[in-house]
Amino acid sequence: MEVSAEENNDETTPEDADVIITNEESTEQTEVEEATETVTEEIDTVTLIETIDLGQEYIDKFIFLGDSTTYALDHYDIIPFKQVWTPASGTLDLSKWSVSTVSFPNKTSWAISDAAAEIKPEYLLITLGVNGVSHMNEAYFTAEYTSLVTSIQEASPDTKLY
């Protein structure tokens, strides 16, 4: 760490000005580092309580709507195809959700809100990845996500969204 010229009693040139760390800046940096360490330590000590296994019947109540990791649930035989809602492309781009369709085992495709209205899932877990949202600013993301959630809620009011 370099110290200011005042502490060294040296002359400071304009070229050196951007690399000088004053005691004040150093103190702020140390405080941020200490706060980060504290948060990290607190996170490291979180222990989840054990819960009962609700079994396959519980898992079967979920529909997974989303991105390529959602698509992989079926591809790697983790969750049956009928519970995985992704467009034929394999990933849901949030900005195109209103024109996207989700594929079903009988080779049909439905708009997301139509699928929710027809199937009325008990639980629907929305998983959106970076590829589907990285091009969106916060306001655009919020508007599209709110629109998606509202559409599903209107089509299937009893579905619990996650």
Protein backbone atom coordinates (compact mmCIF):
# COMPACT_ATOMS: atom_id res chain seq x y z
CA MET A 1 0.00 0.00 0.00
CA GLU A 2 1.29 3.44 -0.87
CA VAL A 3 0.90 6.35 1.48
CA SER A 4 0.27 9.97 0.65
CA ALA A 5 3.13 12.33 0.02
CA GLU A 6 2.16 14.28 3.11
CA GLU A 7 3.01 11.30 5.29
CA ASN A 8 6.28 10.67 3.44
CA ASN A 9 7.19 14.35 3.17
CA ASP A 10 7.83 13.77 -0.54
CA GLU A 11 6.76 15.82 -3.51
CA THR A 12 3.71 14.42 -5.36
CA THR A 13 3.37 14.79 -9.10
CA PRO A 14 0.03 14.81 -10.94
CA GLU A 15 0.93 11.42 -12.45
CA ASP A 16 1.14 9.91 -8.95
CA ALA A 17 -2.21 11.30 -7.81
CA ASP A 18 -4.33 8.39 -9.05
CA VAL A 19 -2.31 5.73 -7.21
CA ILE A 20 -2.15 7.40 -3.81
CA ILE A 21 -4.33 5.86 -1.13
CA THR A 22 -4.93 8.26 1.72
CA ASN A 23 -5.56 7.04 5.23
CA GLU A 24 -9.24 7.96 4.83
CA GLU A 25 -9.65 5.81 1.68
CA SER A 26 -7.70 3.00 3.29
CA THR A 27 -9.96 3.10 6.36
CA GLU A 28 -13.10 2.95 4.17
CA GLN A 29 -11.67 0.02 2.22
CA THR A 30 -10.80 -1.80 5.47
CA GLU A 31 -14.31 -1.20 6.84
CA VAL A 32 -15.87 -2.66 3.67
CA GLU A 33 -13.55 -5.69 3.82
CA GLU A 34 -14.36 -6.26 7.50
CA ALA A 35 -18.11 -5.97 6.84
CA THR A 36 -17.83 -8.44 3.96
CA GLU A 37 -15.94 -10.89 6.17
CA THR A 38 -18.59 -10.55 8.89
CA VAL A 39 -21.41 -11.25 6.44
CA THR A 40 -19.50 -14.19 4.97
CA GLU A 41 -18.87 -15.61 8.44
CA GLU A 42 -22.57 -15.25 9.28
CA ILE A 43 -23.58 -17.01 6.07
CA ASP A 44 -21.10 -19.81 6.73
CA THR A 45 -22.80 -20.57 10.04
CA VAL A 46 -26.38 -20.88 8.77
CA THR A 47 -27.78 -24.34 9.41
CA LEU A 48 -31.09 -25.43 7.94
CA ILE A 49 -33.35 -27.43 10.15
CA GLU A 50 -34.22 -30.91 8.99
CA THR A 51 -37.67 -31.24 7.47
CA ILE A 52 -39.72 -34.25 6.61
CA ASP A 53 -39.48 -35.66 3.10
CA LEU A 54 -42.84 -34.97 1.46
CA GLY A 55 -42.10 -37.56 -1.20
CA GLN A 56 -42.65 -37.88 -4.92
CA GLU A 57 -46.34 -37.03 -4.65
CA TYR A 58 -45.37 -33.52 -3.51
CA ILE A 59 -42.80 -33.08 -6.28
CA ASP A 60 -45.37 -34.21 -8.83
CA LYS A 61 -47.51 -31.16 -7.96
CA PHE A 62 -44.87 -28.77 -9.37
CA ILE A 63 -44.54 -27.35 -12.86
CA PHE A 64 -41.16 -25.83 -13.72
CA LEU A 65 -41.25 -22.92 -16.19
CA GLY A 66 -38.09 -21.39 -17.48
CA ASP A 67 -34.65 -21.49 -18.96
CA SER A 68 -32.14 -24.06 -20.16
CA THR A 69 -31.53 -25.39 -16.64
CA THR A 70 -35.27 -26.02 -16.45
CA TYR A 71 -35.10 -27.80 -19.80
CA ALA A 72 -32.28 -29.95 -18.39
CA LEU A 73 -34.61 -31.28 -15.67
CA ASP A 74 -36.33 -33.32 -18.37
CA HIS A 75 -33.30 -33.87 -20.58
CA TYR A 76 -31.41 -35.56 -17.73
CA ASP A 77 -34.51 -37.46 -16.52
CA ILE A 78 -34.76 -35.57 -13.22
CA ILE A 79 -38.33 -34.36 -13.73
CA PRO A 80 -40.83 -35.79 -16.27
CA PHE A 81 -41.38 -33.80 -19.48
CA LYS A 82 -45.01 -33.04 -18.57
CA GLN A 83 -43.76 -30.97 -15.59
CA VAL A 84 -41.17 -28.99 -17.56
CA TRP A 85 -42.48 -25.96 -19.42
CA THR A 86 -39.93 -24.48 -21.80
CA PRO A 87 -40.24 -23.21 -25.34
CA ALA A 88 -39.04 -25.51 -28.12
CA SER A 89 -35.77 -23.53 -28.08
CA GLY A 90 -35.11 -24.92 -24.60
CA THR A 91 -35.02 -21.57 -22.83
CA LEU A 92 -37.50 -18.86 -21.94
CA ASP A 93 -36.47 -15.32 -22.83
CA LEU A 94 -38.47 -13.12 -20.47
CA SER A 95 -38.84 -10.37 -23.05
CA LYS A 96 -40.62 -12.85 -25.35
CA TRP A 97 -42.73 -14.69 -22.78
CA SER A 98 -46.02 -13.35 -24.17
CA VAL A 99 -45.37 -14.84 -27.62
CA SER A 100 -43.57 -17.97 -26.41
CA THR A 101 -45.25 -21.34 -26.31
CA VAL A 102 -44.41 -24.29 -24.10
CA SER A 103 -44.23 -27.80 -25.50
CA PHE A 104 -46.11 -30.81 -24.19
CA PRO A 105 -45.65 -34.59 -24.55
CA ASN A 106 -48.47 -34.89 -27.12
CA LYS A 107 -46.50 -32.56 -29.45
CA THR A 108 -48.79 -29.58 -28.82
CA SER A 109 -47.61 -26.15 -27.80
CA TRP A 110 -49.57 -23.64 -25.79
CA ALA A 111 -49.06 -20.05 -24.76
CA ILE A 112 -47.96 -19.93 -21.13
CA SER A 113 -51.19 -18.41 -19.84
CA ASP A 114 -53.26 -20.91 -21.87
CA ALA A 115 -51.24 -23.79 -20.42
CA ALA A 116 -51.80 -22.44 -16.90
CA ALA A 117 -55.54 -22.08 -17.56
CA GLU A 118 -55.83 -25.60 -18.94
CA ILE A 119 -53.59 -27.50 -16.51
CA LYS A 120 -54.06 -25.35 -13.41
CA PRO A 121 -50.88 -26.48 -11.65
CA GLU A 122 -50.88 -26.43 -7.87
CA TYR A 123 -47.34 -24.99 -7.82
CA LEU A 124 -45.42 -23.26 -10.60
CA LEU A 125 -41.74 -22.50 -10.15
CA ILE A 126 -40.39 -19.84 -12.51
CA THR A 127 -36.68 -20.13 -13.24
CA LEU A 128 -35.13 -17.53 -15.50
CA GLY A 129 -31.45 -17.60 -16.35
CA VAL A 130 -29.00 -14.95 -17.43
CA ASN A 131 -29.52 -15.62 -21.14
CA GLY A 132 -33.18 -14.75 -20.84
CA VAL A 133 -32.79 -11.50 -18.90
CA SER A 134 -29.26 -10.10 -19.37
CA HIS A 135 -30.35 -7.72 -22.14
CA MET A 136 -33.01 -6.12 -19.94
CA ASN A 137 -32.68 -3.11 -17.68
CA GLU A 138 -34.35 -3.18 -14.25
CA ALA A 139 -37.55 -1.40 -15.31
CA TYR A 140 -38.02 -3.58 -18.39
CA PHE A 141 -37.34 -6.76 -16.37
CA THR A 142 -39.78 -5.71 -13.65
CA ALA A 143 -42.52 -4.87 -16.15
CA GLU A 144 -42.16 -8.14 -18.09
CA TYR A 145 -41.85 -10.31 -14.97
CA THR A 146 -44.90 -8.64 -13.42
CA SER A 147 -46.82 -9.17 -16.65
CA LEU A 148 -45.87 -12.87 -16.74
CA VAL A 149 -46.88 -13.43 -13.12
CA THR A 150 -50.15 -11.51 -13.54
CA SER A 151 -51.02 -13.50 -16.66
CA ILE A 152 -50.49 -16.81 -14.87
CA GLN A 153 -52.43 -15.65 -11.81
CA GLU A 154 -55.37 -14.55 -13.95
CA ALA A 155 -55.36 -17.83 -15.87
CA SER A 156 -55.00 -20.03 -12.80
CA PRO A 157 -55.76 -18.06 -9.60
CA ASP A 158 -55.15 -21.00 -7.25
CA THR A 159 -51.65 -21.74 -8.58
CA LYS A 160 -48.95 -20.85 -6.09
CA LEU A 161 -46.02 -19.17 -7.84
CA TYR A 162 -42.39 -19.43 -6.80
